[in-house]
Amino acid sequence: MRIVAVTACPTGIAHTYMAAEALIKCAVKLSVSIHVETQGAMGIENKLSYKDISQSDIALIASDITIEQMERFEQSKTLTVTIEEVLTNPEAVLKSCLKHAN
């Protein structure tokens, strides 16, 4: 299973990066491949390429704001959640991704 994810919060400082870290740690635990792009105060970091996106099974958008370049995900299965959902229960979010990808 390959997941690509974007994390973004209104201020783009702490929660964006905390959510990315939580997803990465939980993905290891669940033996899931994940590549996380952050859209924070520093702009887009670890930008997902079109190849990354096209080779993924699902795109996870964990955001409380409109993310930049959303059109990259038009051809992908996507699941949108809030940053809070990721921070409070990243395992449930990733398991939801697994369910929606099939």
C-alpha atoms as a PDB file:
ATOM      1  CA  MET A   1       0.000   0.000   0.000  1.00  0.00           C
ATOM      2  CA  ARG A   2       1.363   3.390  -1.005  1.00  0.00           C
ATOM      3  CA  ILE A   3      -0.048   6.551   0.500  1.00  0.00           C
ATOM      4  CA  VAL A   4       0.855  10.111  -0.341  1.00  0.00           C
ATOM      5  CA  ALA A   5      -0.203  12.774   2.116  1.00  0.00           C
ATOM      6  CA  VAL A   6      -0.308  16.532   2.494  1.00  0.00           C
ATOM      7  CA  THR A   7      -0.464  18.159   5.919  1.00  0.00           C
ATOM      8  CA  ALA A   8      -1.360  21.823   6.380  1.00  0.00           C
ATOM      9  CA  CYS A   9      -2.768  23.994   9.169  1.00  0.00           C
ATOM     10  CA  PRO A  10      -3.780  27.666   9.282  1.00  0.00           C
ATOM     11  CA  THR A  11      -0.567  28.925  10.891  1.00  0.00           C
ATOM     12  CA  GLY A  12       1.677  26.358   9.228  1.00  0.00           C
ATOM     13  CA  ILE A  13       4.018  26.013  12.140  1.00  0.00           C
ATOM     14  CA  ALA A  14       3.601  23.245  14.709  1.00  0.00           C
ATOM     15  CA  HIS A  15       0.566  21.164  13.789  1.00  0.00           C
ATOM     16  CA  THR A  16       1.540  20.751  10.122  1.00  0.00           C
ATOM     17  CA  TYR A  17       4.814  19.105  11.109  1.00  0.00           C
ATOM     18  CA  MET A  18       3.435  17.234  14.115  1.00  0.00           C
ATOM     19  CA  ALA A  19       0.811  15.624  11.872  1.00  0.00           C
ATOM     20  CA  ALA A  20       3.416  14.662   9.268  1.00  0.00           C
ATOM     21  CA  GLU A  21       5.582  13.062  11.944  1.00  0.00           C
ATOM     22  CA  ALA A  22       2.617  11.182  13.429  1.00  0.00           C
ATOM     23  CA  LEU A  23       1.659   9.782  10.023  1.00  0.00           C
ATOM     24  CA  ILE A  24       5.203   8.661   9.265  1.00  0.00           C
ATOM     25  CA  LYS A  25       5.637   6.930  12.640  1.00  0.00           C
ATOM     26  CA  CYS A  26       2.267   5.206  12.394  1.00  0.00           C
ATOM     27  CA  ALA A  27       2.880   4.101   8.792  1.00  0.00           C
ATOM     28  CA  VAL A  28       6.017   2.268   9.920  1.00  0.00           C
ATOM     29  CA  LYS A  29       3.993   0.522  12.624  1.00  0.00           C
ATOM     30  CA  LEU A  30       1.368  -0.556  10.045  1.00  0.00           C
ATOM     31  CA  SER A  31       3.961  -1.477   7.370  1.00  0.00           C
ATOM     32  CA  VAL A  32       2.535   1.093   4.981  1.00  0.00           C
ATOM     33  CA  SER A  33       4.590   3.189   2.566  1.00  0.00           C
ATOM     34  CA  ILE A  34       3.936   6.913   2.983  1.00  0.00           C
ATOM     35  CA  HIS A  35       5.390  10.097   1.512  1.00  0.00           C
ATOM     36  CA  VAL A  36       4.266  13.274   3.283  1.00  0.00           C
ATOM     37  CA  GLU A  37       4.360  16.781   1.841  1.00  0.00           C
ATOM     38  CA  THR A  38       4.030  19.652   4.298  1.00  0.00           C
ATOM     39  CA  GLN A  39       2.534  23.003   3.421  1.00  0.00           C
ATOM     40  CA  GLY A  40       3.573  25.228   6.273  1.00  0.00           C
ATOM     41  CA  ALA A  41       5.046  28.621   7.021  1.00  0.00           C
ATOM     42  CA  MET A  42       8.096  27.695   4.937  1.00  0.00           C
ATOM     43  CA  GLY A  43       5.929  26.904   1.893  1.00  0.00           C
ATOM     44  CA  ILE A  44       5.739  23.464   0.301  1.00  0.00           C
ATOM     45  CA  GLU A  45       8.357  21.058   1.628  1.00  0.00           C
ATOM     46  CA  ASN A  46       8.992  17.460   0.506  1.00  0.00           C
ATOM     47  CA  LYS A  47       6.832  18.225  -2.539  1.00  0.00           C
ATOM     48  CA  LEU A  48       5.048  15.229  -3.984  1.00  0.00           C
ATOM     49  CA  SER A  49       5.866  14.682  -7.647  1.00  0.00           C
ATOM     50  CA  TYR A  50       3.265  13.683 -10.197  1.00  0.00           C
ATOM     51  CA  LYS A  51       5.016  10.295 -10.287  1.00  0.00           C
ATOM     52  CA  ASP A  52       4.673   9.905  -6.489  1.00  0.00           C
ATOM     53  CA  ILE A  53       0.986  10.729  -6.747  1.00  0.00           C
ATOM     54  CA  SER A  54       0.265   8.504  -9.758  1.00  0.00           C
ATOM     55  CA  GLN A  55       1.971   5.518  -8.131  1.00  0.00           C
ATOM     56  CA  SER A  56       0.050   5.870  -4.876  1.00  0.00           C
ATOM     57  CA  ASP A  57      -3.051   3.935  -3.920  1.00  0.00           C
ATOM     58  CA  ILE A  58      -4.608   6.926  -2.154  1.00  0.00           C
ATOM     59  CA  ALA A  59      -3.871  10.554  -1.362  1.00  0.00           C
ATOM     60  CA  LEU A  60      -4.522  11.724   2.185  1.00  0.00           C
ATOM     61  CA  ILE A  61      -5.218  15.426   2.631  1.00  0.00           C
ATOM     62  CA  ALA A  62      -4.854  16.297   6.319  1.00  0.00           C
ATOM     63  CA  SER A  63      -5.656  19.970   6.385  1.00  0.00           C
ATOM     64  CA  ASP A  64      -7.750  22.683   7.941  1.00  0.00           C
ATOM     65  CA  ILE A  65      -7.108  25.028   5.000  1.00  0.00           C
ATOM     66  CA  THR A  66      -7.211  24.832   1.220  1.00  0.00           C
ATOM     67  CA  ILE A  67      -3.970  23.249   0.110  1.00  0.00           C
ATOM     68  CA  GLU A  68      -1.868  24.590  -2.730  1.00  0.00           C
ATOM     69  CA  GLN A  69      -1.826  22.778  -6.081  1.00  0.00           C
ATOM     70  CA  MET A  70      -4.778  20.529  -5.235  1.00  0.00           C
ATOM     71  CA  GLU A  71      -5.234  19.863  -8.959  1.00  0.00           C
ATOM     72  CA  ARG A  72      -2.337  17.382  -8.747  1.00  0.00           C
ATOM     73  CA  PHE A  73      -4.729  14.965  -7.036  1.00  0.00           C
ATOM     74  CA  GLU A  74      -7.618  15.128  -9.546  1.00  0.00           C
ATOM     75  CA  GLN A  75      -6.953  11.627 -10.863  1.00  0.00           C
ATOM     76  CA  SER A  76      -6.338  10.086  -7.424  1.00  0.00           C
ATOM     77  CA  LYS A  77      -8.527   8.523  -4.818  1.00  0.00           C
ATOM     78  CA  THR A  78      -8.434  10.998  -1.979  1.00  0.00           C
ATOM     79  CA  LEU A  79      -9.412  11.071   1.657  1.00  0.00           C
ATOM     80  CA  THR A  80      -9.662  14.406   3.441  1.00  0.00           C
ATOM     81  CA  VAL A  81      -9.378  14.706   7.217  1.00  0.00           C
ATOM     82  CA  THR A  82      -8.598  17.452   9.696  1.00  0.00           C
ATOM     83  CA  ILE A  83      -5.215  17.957  11.300  1.00  0.00           C
ATOM     84  CA  GLU A  84      -6.845  17.233  14.653  1.00  0.00           C
ATOM     85  CA  GLU A  85      -7.947  13.779  13.462  1.00  0.00           C
ATOM     86  CA  VAL A  86      -4.357  12.933  12.569  1.00  0.00           C
ATOM     87  CA  LEU A  87      -2.961  14.279  15.822  1.00  0.00           C
ATOM     88  CA  THR A  88      -5.487  12.471  18.014  1.00  0.00           C
ATOM     89  CA  ASN A  89      -5.579   9.125  16.189  1.00  0.00           C
ATOM     90  CA  PRO A  90      -3.147   8.693  13.269  1.00  0.00           C
ATOM     91  CA  GLU A  91      -3.681   4.937  13.243  1.00  0.00           C
ATOM     92  CA  ALA A  92      -7.418   5.315  12.636  1.00  0.00           C
ATOM     93  CA  VAL A  93      -6.713   7.790   9.826  1.00  0.00           C
ATOM     94  CA  LEU A  94      -4.275   5.437   8.104  1.00  0.00           C
ATOM     95  CA  LYS A  95      -6.624   2.489   8.536  1.00  0.00           C
ATOM     96  CA  SER A  96      -9.330   4.599   6.938  1.00  0.00           C
ATOM     97  CA  CYS A  97      -6.966   5.218   4.019  1.00  0.00           C
ATOM     98  CA  LEU A  98      -6.435   1.484   3.641  1.00  0.00           C
ATOM     99  CA  LYS A  99     -10.193   0.936   3.605  1.00  0.00           C
ATOM    100  CA  HIS A 100     -10.885   3.706   1.060  1.00  0.00           C
ATOM    101  CA  ALA A 101      -8.039   2.665  -1.240  1.00  0.00           C
ATOM    102  CA  ASN A 102      -9.716  -0.665  -2.043  1.00  0.00           C
END
